[in-house]
Amino acid sequence: MKIKMNKMTVLIHIVLIIGSLLMVMPFLWMVLTSGKTISESTQIPPQIFPEAFQIENYQAVWNSLPFVNFYINTGLMIALRVLTSTLFSAMAAFAVAKLDFPGKNLFFAIVLTQMMIPSQIYLTPQYLLVQNLGLLNTISALVIPGIVSAFGTFLLRQFFIKLPDELMEAAIIDGATTWQVFYRIYMPLARSGLVALGIFTSLFAFKDLMWPLVVNMSQDKMTLSAGLASLQGQFTTNYPQLMAGSVIAIIPMIILYIIFQKQFIEGIATTGGK
């Protein structure tokens, strides 16, 4: 029996190692390509390692694009989306999970329906809304689609449902208002869910490409994803510089992950448990 278990454990570890290598390979290829010449990056069959690592690719792409502005714009977009999405999604989730009001089930059904519809369908109405508000080429335009999250409402609803109703009843008997019950009792108890939502929101915002390209034409207001897209030529592309820019772009997220690694893992693990 022990031999069987050991064989199964070894097999599982082999599968996990292979899966890990498959996930790491694109990242390694990006780093290696960023140090190649153009001829090496387009060579067939592919050349894995550069003959001499071309650090000039990083200097060229850094001088050609305003990466400082890209970092600032991306950071502001992520911070504002996390704050607004977490707050408004928590309020909507608490209302659906713990309050009784007419049309509650219909409201939640509409939220679920929004999750099933591709986000590209909302591009035109969202763009017209931002245009009519006069917010094109602004940071506010980047934040508007992420103010409320259907996914966040659904996620936090699952956390609030698990919390006992007796907490609300006891607080109301003690004279607490609905708002006080929400932010003094239920919000602290749903901290793990809020952390998980903040992690997912920041990742979704960091990877968002289409919306920043649509609403912001000015390079000073672009995010990292939109700025990197400008390196993609219509007919030819300098792949080493494109990969070098990608490496520069992901450095802040890697640093954040290293600093908040525990919170990342706990938040995602708690989400899976719920």
C-alpha atoms as a PDB file:
ATOM      1  CA  MET A   1       0.000   0.000   0.000  1.00  0.00           C
ATOM      2  CA  LYS A   2       2.837   2.382   0.891  1.00  0.00           C
ATOM      3  CA  ILE A   3       4.622   1.567  -2.369  1.00  0.00           C
ATOM      4  CA  LYS A   4       1.406   2.360  -4.258  1.00  0.00           C
ATOM      5  CA  MET A   5       1.047   5.682  -2.444  1.00  0.00           C
ATOM      6  CA  ASN A   6       4.695   6.563  -3.106  1.00  0.00           C
ATOM      7  CA  LYS A   7       4.308   5.842  -6.816  1.00  0.00           C
ATOM      8  CA  MET A   8       1.171   7.967  -6.963  1.00  0.00           C
ATOM      9  CA  THR A   9       2.927  10.813  -5.131  1.00  0.00           C
ATOM     10  CA  VAL A  10       5.870  10.672  -7.539  1.00  0.00           C
ATOM     11  CA  LEU A  11       3.493  10.689 -10.520  1.00  0.00           C
ATOM     12  CA  ILE A  12       1.591  13.684  -9.163  1.00  0.00           C
ATOM     13  CA  HIS A  13       4.823  15.600  -8.576  1.00  0.00           C
ATOM     14  CA  ILE A  14       6.028  14.826 -12.109  1.00  0.00           C
ATOM     15  CA  VAL A  15       2.763  16.121 -13.580  1.00  0.00           C
ATOM     16  CA  LEU A  16       2.944  19.269 -11.430  1.00  0.00           C
ATOM     17  CA  ILE A  17       6.575  19.902 -12.404  1.00  0.00           C
ATOM     18  CA  ILE A  18       5.732  19.538 -16.100  1.00  0.00           C
ATOM     19  CA  GLY A  19       2.792  21.919 -15.686  1.00  0.00           C
ATOM     20  CA  SER A  20       4.995  24.437 -13.870  1.00  0.00           C
ATOM     21  CA  LEU A  21       7.605  24.314 -16.631  1.00  0.00           C
ATOM     22  CA  LEU A  22       4.942  24.870 -19.275  1.00  0.00           C
ATOM     23  CA  MET A  23       3.728  27.958 -17.422  1.00  0.00           C
ATOM     24  CA  VAL A  24       7.229  29.339 -16.862  1.00  0.00           C
ATOM     25  CA  MET A  25       8.434  28.772 -20.434  1.00  0.00           C
ATOM     26  CA  PRO A  26       6.666  31.826 -21.985  1.00  0.00           C
ATOM     27  CA  PHE A  27       8.178  34.053 -19.301  1.00  0.00           C
ATOM     28  CA  LEU A  28      11.667  32.642 -19.882  1.00  0.00           C
ATOM     29  CA  TRP A  29      11.256  32.993 -23.654  1.00  0.00           C
ATOM     30  CA  MET A  30      10.259  36.638 -23.175  1.00  0.00           C
ATOM     31  CA  VAL A  31      13.379  37.352 -21.091  1.00  0.00           C
ATOM     32  CA  LEU A  32      15.680  35.523 -23.516  1.00  0.00           C
ATOM     33  CA  THR A  33      14.159  37.220 -26.575  1.00  0.00           C
ATOM     34  CA  SER A  34      14.578  40.633 -24.957  1.00  0.00           C
ATOM     35  CA  GLY A  35      18.352  40.118 -25.146  1.00  0.00           C
ATOM     36  CA  LYS A  36      18.520  38.976 -28.769  1.00  0.00           C
ATOM     37  CA  THR A  37      19.122  40.819 -31.996  1.00  0.00           C
ATOM     38  CA  ILE A  38      16.294  41.106 -34.536  1.00  0.00           C
ATOM     39  CA  SER A  39      17.808  38.398 -36.717  1.00  0.00           C
ATOM     40  CA  GLU A  40      18.150  36.035 -33.754  1.00  0.00           C
ATOM     41  CA  SER A  41      14.535  36.608 -32.676  1.00  0.00           C
ATOM     42  CA  THR A  42      13.179  35.711 -36.127  1.00  0.00           C
ATOM     43  CA  GLN A  43      15.558  32.872 -36.893  1.00  0.00           C
ATOM     44  CA  ILE A  44      14.115  29.510 -38.045  1.00  0.00           C
ATOM     45  CA  PRO A  45      14.609  27.105 -36.373  1.00  0.00           C
ATOM     46  CA  PRO A  46      14.344  29.298 -33.254  1.00  0.00           C
ATOM     47  CA  GLN A  47      17.517  30.241 -31.441  1.00  0.00           C
ATOM     48  CA  ILE A  48      16.927  29.772 -27.723  1.00  0.00           C
ATOM     49  CA  PHE A  49      19.859  31.664 -26.207  1.00  0.00           C
ATOM     50  CA  PRO A  50      21.277  34.933 -27.587  1.00  0.00           C
ATOM     51  CA  GLU A  51      24.935  34.924 -28.536  1.00  0.00           C
ATOM     52  CA  ALA A  52      25.432  38.101 -26.512  1.00  0.00           C
ATOM     53  CA  PHE A  53      22.705  39.607 -24.321  1.00  0.00           C
ATOM     54  CA  GLN A  54      21.705  42.937 -25.908  1.00  0.00           C
ATOM     55  CA  ILE A  55      21.089  45.311 -22.996  1.00  0.00           C
ATOM     56  CA  GLU A  56      20.669  48.058 -25.604  1.00  0.00           C
ATOM     57  CA  ASN A  57      17.139  46.782 -26.269  1.00  0.00           C
ATOM     58  CA  TYR A  58      16.091  47.899 -22.785  1.00  0.00           C
ATOM     59  CA  GLN A  59      17.722  51.298 -23.201  1.00  0.00           C
ATOM     60  CA  ALA A  60      16.094  51.830 -26.608  1.00  0.00           C
ATOM     61  CA  VAL A  61      12.572  50.917 -25.497  1.00  0.00           C
ATOM     62  CA  TRP A  62      12.886  52.932 -22.277  1.00  0.00           C
ATOM     63  CA  ASN A  63      13.925  56.024 -24.245  1.00  0.00           C
ATOM     64  CA  SER A  64      11.227  55.552 -26.897  1.00  0.00           C
ATOM     65  CA  LEU A  65       8.259  55.329 -24.508  1.00  0.00           C
ATOM     66  CA  PRO A  66       7.310  57.351 -21.370  1.00  0.00           C
ATOM     67  CA  PHE A  67       7.338  54.400 -18.994  1.00  0.00           C
ATOM     68  CA  VAL A  68       7.159  56.644 -15.921  1.00  0.00           C
ATOM     69  CA  ASN A  69       3.783  57.974 -17.121  1.00  0.00           C
ATOM     70  CA  PHE A  70       2.677  54.428 -17.944  1.00  0.00           C
ATOM     71  CA  TYR A  71       3.532  53.291 -14.403  1.00  0.00           C
ATOM     72  CA  ILE A  72       1.678  56.217 -12.828  1.00  0.00           C
ATOM     73  CA  ASN A  73      -1.418  55.793 -15.010  1.00  0.00           C
ATOM     74  CA  THR A  74      -1.528  52.045 -14.425  1.00  0.00           C
ATOM     75  CA  GLY A  75      -1.038  52.443 -10.677  1.00  0.00           C
ATOM     76  CA  LEU A  76      -3.810  55.041 -10.413  1.00  0.00           C
ATOM     77  CA  MET A  77      -6.167  52.901 -12.489  1.00  0.00           C
ATOM     78  CA  ILE A  78      -5.519  49.818 -10.360  1.00  0.00           C
ATOM     79  CA  ALA A  79      -5.825  51.685  -7.043  1.00  0.00           C
ATOM     80  CA  LEU A  80      -9.058  53.467  -7.977  1.00  0.00           C
ATOM     81  CA  ARG A  81     -10.620  50.337  -9.471  1.00  0.00           C
ATOM     82  CA  VAL A  82      -9.763  48.284  -6.388  1.00  0.00           C
ATOM     83  CA  LEU A  83     -11.164  50.898  -3.993  1.00  0.00           C
ATOM     84  CA  THR A  84     -14.389  51.582  -5.874  1.00  0.00           C
ATOM     85  CA  SER A  85     -15.059  48.012  -6.977  1.00  0.00           C
ATOM     86  CA  THR A  86     -14.477  46.597  -3.493  1.00  0.00           C
ATOM     87  CA  LEU A  87     -16.703  49.172  -1.801  1.00  0.00           C
ATOM     88  CA  PHE A  88     -19.638  49.144  -4.229  1.00  0.00           C
ATOM     89  CA  SER A  89     -19.526  45.390  -4.788  1.00  0.00           C
ATOM     90  CA  ALA A  90     -19.530  44.818  -1.030  1.00  0.00           C
ATOM     91  CA  MET A  91     -22.568  47.079  -0.582  1.00  0.00           C
ATOM     92  CA  ALA A  92     -24.469  45.371  -3.397  1.00  0.00           C
ATOM     93  CA  ALA A  93     -23.502  41.907  -2.140  1.00  0.00           C
ATOM     94  CA  PHE A  94     -24.568  42.722   1.425  1.00  0.00           C
ATOM     95  CA  ALA A  95     -27.931  43.999   0.204  1.00  0.00           C
ATOM     96  CA  VAL A  96     -28.586  40.878  -1.855  1.00  0.00           C
ATOM     97  CA  ALA A  97     -27.400  38.490   0.845  1.00  0.00           C
ATOM     98  CA  LYS A  98     -28.859  40.019   4.010  1.00  0.00           C
ATOM     99  CA  LEU A  99     -31.593  42.542   3.197  1.00  0.00           C
ATOM    100  CA  ASP A 100     -35.150  41.969   2.015  1.00  0.00           C
ATOM    101  CA  PHE A 101     -36.446  44.349  -0.647  1.00  0.00           C
ATOM    102  CA  PRO A 102     -38.708  44.054  -3.702  1.00  0.00           C
ATOM    103  CA  GLY A 103     -36.957  42.743  -6.795  1.00  0.00           C
ATOM    104  CA  LYS A 104     -33.923  41.370  -4.956  1.00  0.00           C
ATOM    105  CA  ASN A 105     -33.866  38.108  -6.890  1.00  0.00           C
ATOM    106  CA  LEU A 106     -34.400  39.955 -10.178  1.00  0.00           C
ATOM    107  CA  PHE A 107     -31.510  42.275  -9.376  1.00  0.00           C
ATOM    108  CA  PHE A 108     -29.181  39.373  -8.644  1.00  0.00           C
ATOM    109  CA  ALA A 109     -30.297  37.593 -11.821  1.00  0.00           C
ATOM    110  CA  ILE A 110     -29.347  40.697 -13.818  1.00  0.00           C
ATOM    111  CA  VAL A 111     -25.917  40.655 -12.140  1.00  0.00           C
ATOM    112  CA  LEU A 112     -25.418  37.013 -13.094  1.00  0.00           C
ATOM    113  CA  THR A 113     -26.563  37.731 -16.649  1.00  0.00           C
ATOM    114  CA  GLN A 114     -23.948  40.469 -16.951  1.00  0.00           C
ATOM    115  CA  MET A 115     -21.245  37.947 -16.035  1.00  0.00           C
ATOM    116  CA  MET A 116     -22.325  35.710 -18.920  1.00  0.00           C
ATOM    117  CA  ILE A 117     -22.142  38.427 -21.587  1.00  0.00           C
ATOM    118  CA  PRO A 118     -18.741  39.143 -23.222  1.00  0.00           C
ATOM    119  CA  SER A 119     -17.305  42.449 -22.044  1.00  0.00           C
ATOM    120  CA  GLN A 120     -16.677  43.549 -25.658  1.00  0.00           C
ATOM    121  CA  ILE A 121     -20.427  44.076 -26.081  1.00  0.00           C
ATOM    122  CA  TYR A 122     -20.289  46.935 -23.563  1.00  0.00           C
ATOM    123  CA  LEU A 123     -17.504  48.806 -25.363  1.00  0.00           C
ATOM    124  CA  THR A 124     -19.756  51.004 -27.507  1.00  0.00           C
ATOM    125  CA  PRO A 125     -22.197  52.137 -24.773  1.00  0.00           C
ATOM    126  CA  GLN A 126     -19.345  52.663 -22.312  1.00  0.00           C
ATOM    127  CA  TYR A 127     -17.407  54.710 -24.858  1.00  0.00           C
ATOM    128  CA  LEU A 128     -20.450  56.867 -25.644  1.00  0.00           C
ATOM    129  CA  LEU A 129     -21.009  57.407 -21.919  1.00  0.00           C
ATOM    130  CA  VAL A 130     -17.411  58.498 -21.367  1.00  0.00           C
ATOM    131  CA  GLN A 131     -17.532  60.704 -24.476  1.00  0.00           C
ATOM    132  CA  ASN A 132     -20.738  62.450 -23.380  1.00  0.00           C
ATOM    133  CA  LEU A 133     -19.203  63.068 -19.968  1.00  0.00           C
ATOM    134  CA  GLY A 134     -16.151  64.652 -21.632  1.00  0.00           C
ATOM    135  CA  LEU A 135     -13.751  62.216 -19.979  1.00  0.00           C
ATOM    136  CA  LEU A 136     -11.845  60.899 -23.000  1.00  0.00           C
ATOM    137  CA  ASN A 137      -8.050  60.868 -22.521  1.00  0.00           C
ATOM    138  CA  THR A 138      -8.350  61.001 -18.727  1.00  0.00           C
ATOM    139  CA  ILE A 139      -7.599  58.658 -15.841  1.00  0.00           C
ATOM    140  CA  SER A 140     -11.301  58.708 -14.947  1.00  0.00           C
ATOM    141  CA  ALA A 141     -12.099  57.070 -18.290  1.00  0.00           C
ATOM    142  CA  LEU A 142      -9.884  54.132 -17.332  1.00  0.00           C
ATOM    143  CA  VAL A 143     -11.644  53.674 -13.997  1.00  0.00           C
ATOM    144  CA  ILE A 144     -15.323  53.920 -14.999  1.00  0.00           C
ATOM    145  CA  PRO A 145     -15.807  50.322 -16.286  1.00  0.00           C
ATOM    146  CA  GLY A 146     -14.356  48.914 -13.072  1.00  0.00           C
ATOM    147  CA  ILE A 147     -16.348  50.956 -10.552  1.00  0.00           C
ATOM    148  CA  VAL A 148     -18.824  48.108 -10.031  1.00  0.00           C
ATOM    149  CA  SER A 149     -18.005  44.465 -10.663  1.00  0.00           C
ATOM    150  CA  ALA A 150     -20.608  41.785 -11.293  1.00  0.00           C
ATOM    151  CA  PHE A 151     -17.988  39.190 -10.421  1.00  0.00           C
ATOM    152  CA  GLY A 152     -17.184  41.037  -7.196  1.00  0.00           C
ATOM    153  CA  THR A 153     -20.855  41.234  -6.222  1.00  0.00           C
ATOM    154  CA  PHE A 154     -21.292  37.507  -6.791  1.00  0.00           C
ATOM    155  CA  LEU A 155     -18.060  36.649  -4.950  1.00  0.00           C
ATOM    156  CA  LEU A 156     -18.773  38.740  -1.850  1.00  0.00           C
ATOM    157  CA  ARG A 157     -22.399  37.583  -1.732  1.00  0.00           C
ATOM    158  CA  GLN A 158     -21.092  34.073  -1.112  1.00  0.00           C
ATOM    159  CA  PHE A 159     -19.080  35.336   1.858  1.00  0.00           C
ATOM    160  CA  PHE A 160     -21.952  37.320   3.382  1.00  0.00           C
ATOM    161  CA  ILE A 161     -24.387  34.407   3.018  1.00  0.00           C
ATOM    162  CA  LYS A 162     -22.088  32.240   5.154  1.00  0.00           C
ATOM    163  CA  LEU A 163     -22.224  34.752   8.020  1.00  0.00           C
ATOM    164  CA  PRO A 164     -25.084  34.188  10.504  1.00  0.00           C
ATOM    165  CA  ASP A 165     -28.145  36.462  10.426  1.00  0.00           C
ATOM    166  CA  GLU A 166     -28.115  36.521  14.238  1.00  0.00           C
ATOM    167  CA  LEU A 167     -25.261  39.047  14.075  1.00  0.00           C
ATOM    168  CA  MET A 168     -27.502  41.546  12.315  1.00  0.00           C
ATOM    169  CA  GLU A 169     -30.437  40.875  14.623  1.00  0.00           C
ATOM    170  CA  ALA A 170     -28.301  41.378  17.730  1.00  0.00           C
ATOM    171  CA  ALA A 171     -26.806  44.595  16.359  1.00  0.00           C
ATOM    172  CA  ILE A 172     -30.215  46.027  15.435  1.00  0.00           C
ATOM    173  CA  ILE A 173     -31.505  45.229  18.929  1.00  0.00           C
ATOM    174  CA  ASP A 174     -28.533  47.190  20.306  1.00  0.00           C
ATOM    175  CA  GLY A 175     -29.586  50.163  18.178  1.00  0.00           C
ATOM    176  CA  ALA A 176     -27.252  49.841  15.191  1.00  0.00           C
ATOM    177  CA  THR A 177     -28.377  51.099  11.779  1.00  0.00           C
ATOM    178  CA  THR A 178     -28.137  49.009   8.625  1.00  0.00           C
ATOM    179  CA  TRP A 179     -25.033  50.942   7.543  1.00  0.00           C
ATOM    180  CA  GLN A 180     -23.363  50.340  10.917  1.00  0.00           C
ATOM    181  CA  VAL A 181     -24.155  46.634  10.703  1.00  0.00           C
ATOM    182  CA  PHE A 182     -22.567  46.572   7.262  1.00  0.00           C
ATOM    183  CA  TYR A 183     -19.283  48.343   7.861  1.00  0.00           C
ATOM    184  CA  ARG A 184     -18.705  47.560  11.568  1.00  0.00           C
ATOM    185  CA  ILE A 185     -19.745  43.907  11.676  1.00  0.00           C
ATOM    186  CA  TYR A 186     -19.996  42.256   8.271  1.00  0.00           C
ATOM    187  CA  MET A 187     -17.186  44.051   6.447  1.00  0.00           C
ATOM    188  CA  PRO A 188     -14.474  43.024   8.964  1.00  0.00           C
ATOM    189  CA  LEU A 189     -15.747  39.427   8.956  1.00  0.00           C
ATOM    190  CA  ALA A 190     -15.544  39.326   5.141  1.00  0.00           C
ATOM    191  CA  ARG A 191     -11.964  40.583   5.080  1.00  0.00           C
ATOM    192  CA  SER A 192     -10.614  37.512   3.301  1.00  0.00           C
ATOM    193  CA  GLY A 193     -13.209  37.945   0.556  1.00  0.00           C
ATOM    194  CA  LEU A 194     -12.355  41.627   0.181  1.00  0.00           C
ATOM    195  CA  VAL A 195      -8.659  40.766  -0.117  1.00  0.00           C
ATOM    196  CA  ALA A 196      -9.443  38.148  -2.756  1.00  0.00           C
ATOM    197  CA  LEU A 197     -11.577  40.614  -4.724  1.00  0.00           C
ATOM    198  CA  GLY A 198      -8.853  43.250  -4.496  1.00  0.00           C
ATOM    199  CA  ILE A 199      -6.300  40.771  -5.867  1.00  0.00           C
ATOM    200  CA  PHE A 200      -8.498  39.735  -8.780  1.00  0.00           C
ATOM    201  CA  THR A 201      -9.473  43.343  -9.558  1.00  0.00           C
ATOM    202  CA  SER A 202      -5.841  44.480  -9.621  1.00  0.00           C
ATOM    203  CA  LEU A 203      -4.867  41.600 -11.915  1.00  0.00           C
ATOM    204  CA  PHE A 204      -7.792  42.241 -14.276  1.00  0.00           C
ATOM    205  CA  ALA A 205      -6.973  45.961 -14.374  1.00  0.00           C
ATOM    206  CA  PHE A 206      -3.271  45.357 -14.988  1.00  0.00           C
ATOM    207  CA  LYS A 207      -4.054  43.049 -17.937  1.00  0.00           C
ATOM    208  CA  ASP A 208      -6.782  45.252 -19.419  1.00  0.00           C
ATOM    209  CA  LEU A 209      -5.810  46.221 -22.970  1.00  0.00           C
ATOM    210  CA  MET A 210      -8.829  46.924 -25.151  1.00  0.00           C
ATOM    211  CA  TRP A 211     -10.520  49.588 -23.023  1.00  0.00           C
ATOM    212  CA  PRO A 212      -7.365  51.729 -22.458  1.00  0.00           C
ATOM    213  CA  LEU A 213      -6.685  51.594 -26.211  1.00  0.00           C
ATOM    214  CA  VAL A 214     -10.228  52.740 -26.999  1.00  0.00           C
ATOM    215  CA  VAL A 215     -10.638  55.689 -24.617  1.00  0.00           C
ATOM    216  CA  ASN A 216      -7.125  57.154 -24.413  1.00  0.00           C
ATOM    217  CA  MET A 217      -5.365  58.207 -27.598  1.00  0.00           C
ATOM    218  CA  SER A 218      -2.810  60.419 -25.866  1.00  0.00           C
ATOM    219  CA  GLN A 219       0.408  58.591 -25.004  1.00  0.00           C
ATOM    220  CA  ASP A 220       0.654  60.505 -21.714  1.00  0.00           C
ATOM    221  CA  LYS A 221      -2.604  58.901 -20.538  1.00  0.00           C
ATOM    222  CA  MET A 222      -1.903  55.336 -21.675  1.00  0.00           C
ATOM    223  CA  THR A 223      -1.395  52.385 -19.371  1.00  0.00           C
ATOM    224  CA  LEU A 224       1.432  49.858 -19.630  1.00  0.00           C
ATOM    225  CA  SER A 225      -0.594  47.426 -21.727  1.00  0.00           C
ATOM    226  CA  ALA A 226      -1.705  50.087 -24.196  1.00  0.00           C
ATOM    227  CA  GLY A 227       1.794  51.592 -24.386  1.00  0.00           C
ATOM    228  CA  LEU A 228       3.342  48.217 -25.185  1.00  0.00           C
ATOM    229  CA  ALA A 229       0.765  47.684 -27.922  1.00  0.00           C
ATOM    230  CA  SER A 230       2.209  50.718 -29.710  1.00  0.00           C
ATOM    231  CA  LEU A 231       5.434  48.747 -30.214  1.00  0.00           C
ATOM    232  CA  GLN A 232       3.557  46.280 -32.413  1.00  0.00           C
ATOM    233  CA  GLY A 233       4.092  47.443 -36.000  1.00  0.00           C
ATOM    234  CA  GLN A 234       1.588  46.965 -38.809  1.00  0.00           C
ATOM    235  CA  PHE A 235       4.074  45.235 -41.099  1.00  0.00           C
ATOM    236  CA  THR A 236       7.238  44.691 -39.047  1.00  0.00           C
ATOM    237  CA  THR A 237       7.865  44.440 -35.315  1.00  0.00           C
ATOM    238  CA  ASN A 238      11.070  44.754 -33.337  1.00  0.00           C
ATOM    239  CA  TYR A 239      10.442  41.698 -31.153  1.00  0.00           C
ATOM    240  CA  PRO A 240      13.496  42.115 -28.892  1.00  0.00           C
ATOM    241  CA  GLN A 241      12.403  45.640 -27.964  1.00  0.00           C
ATOM    242  CA  LEU A 242       8.792  44.494 -27.543  1.00  0.00           C
ATOM    243  CA  MET A 243       9.919  41.745 -25.161  1.00  0.00           C
ATOM    244  CA  ALA A 244      12.219  44.167 -23.330  1.00  0.00           C
ATOM    245  CA  GLY A 245       9.274  46.521 -22.827  1.00  0.00           C
ATOM    246  CA  SER A 246       7.191  43.621 -21.535  1.00  0.00           C
ATOM    247  CA  VAL A 247       9.866  42.737 -18.987  1.00  0.00           C
ATOM    248  CA  ILE A 248      10.000  46.356 -17.817  1.00  0.00           C
ATOM    249  CA  ALA A 249       6.200  46.444 -17.570  1.00  0.00           C
ATOM    250  CA  ILE A 250       5.822  43.377 -15.350  1.00  0.00           C
ATOM    251  CA  ILE A 251       8.545  44.306 -12.858  1.00  0.00           C
ATOM    252  CA  PRO A 252       6.174  46.257 -10.530  1.00  0.00           C
ATOM    253  CA  MET A 253       3.650  43.406 -10.427  1.00  0.00           C
ATOM    254  CA  ILE A 254       6.418  40.898  -9.630  1.00  0.00           C
ATOM    255  CA  ILE A 255       7.660  43.136  -6.800  1.00  0.00           C
ATOM    256  CA  LEU A 256       4.119  43.469  -5.428  1.00  0.00           C
ATOM    257  CA  TYR A 257       3.657  39.708  -5.575  1.00  0.00           C
ATOM    258  CA  ILE A 258       6.914  39.115  -3.694  1.00  0.00           C
ATOM    259  CA  ILE A 259       5.905  41.617  -0.984  1.00  0.00           C
ATOM    260  CA  PHE A 260       2.279  40.448  -0.662  1.00  0.00           C
ATOM    261  CA  GLN A 261       2.777  36.796  -1.561  1.00  0.00           C
ATOM    262  CA  LYS A 262       1.060  35.577   1.598  1.00  0.00           C
ATOM    263  CA  GLN A 263      -2.020  37.736   0.968  1.00  0.00           C
ATOM    264  CA  PHE A 264      -2.186  36.635  -2.677  1.00  0.00           C
ATOM    265  CA  ILE A 265      -2.169  32.947  -1.780  1.00  0.00           C
ATOM    266  CA  GLU A 266      -4.545  33.282   1.182  1.00  0.00           C
ATOM    267  CA  GLY A 267      -7.021  35.361  -0.793  1.00  0.00           C
ATOM    268  CA  ILE A 268      -7.163  32.999  -3.757  1.00  0.00           C
ATOM    269  CA  ALA A 269      -7.223  29.895  -1.524  1.00  0.00           C
ATOM    270  CA  THR A 270     -10.080  31.334   0.547  1.00  0.00           C
ATOM    271  CA  THR A 271     -11.988  32.130  -2.639  1.00  0.00           C
ATOM    272  CA  GLY A 272     -11.670  28.532  -3.757  1.00  0.00           C
ATOM    273  CA  GLY A 273     -12.878  27.315  -0.365  1.00  0.00           C
ATOM    274  CA  LYS A 274     -15.959  29.477  -0.520  1.00  0.00           C
END
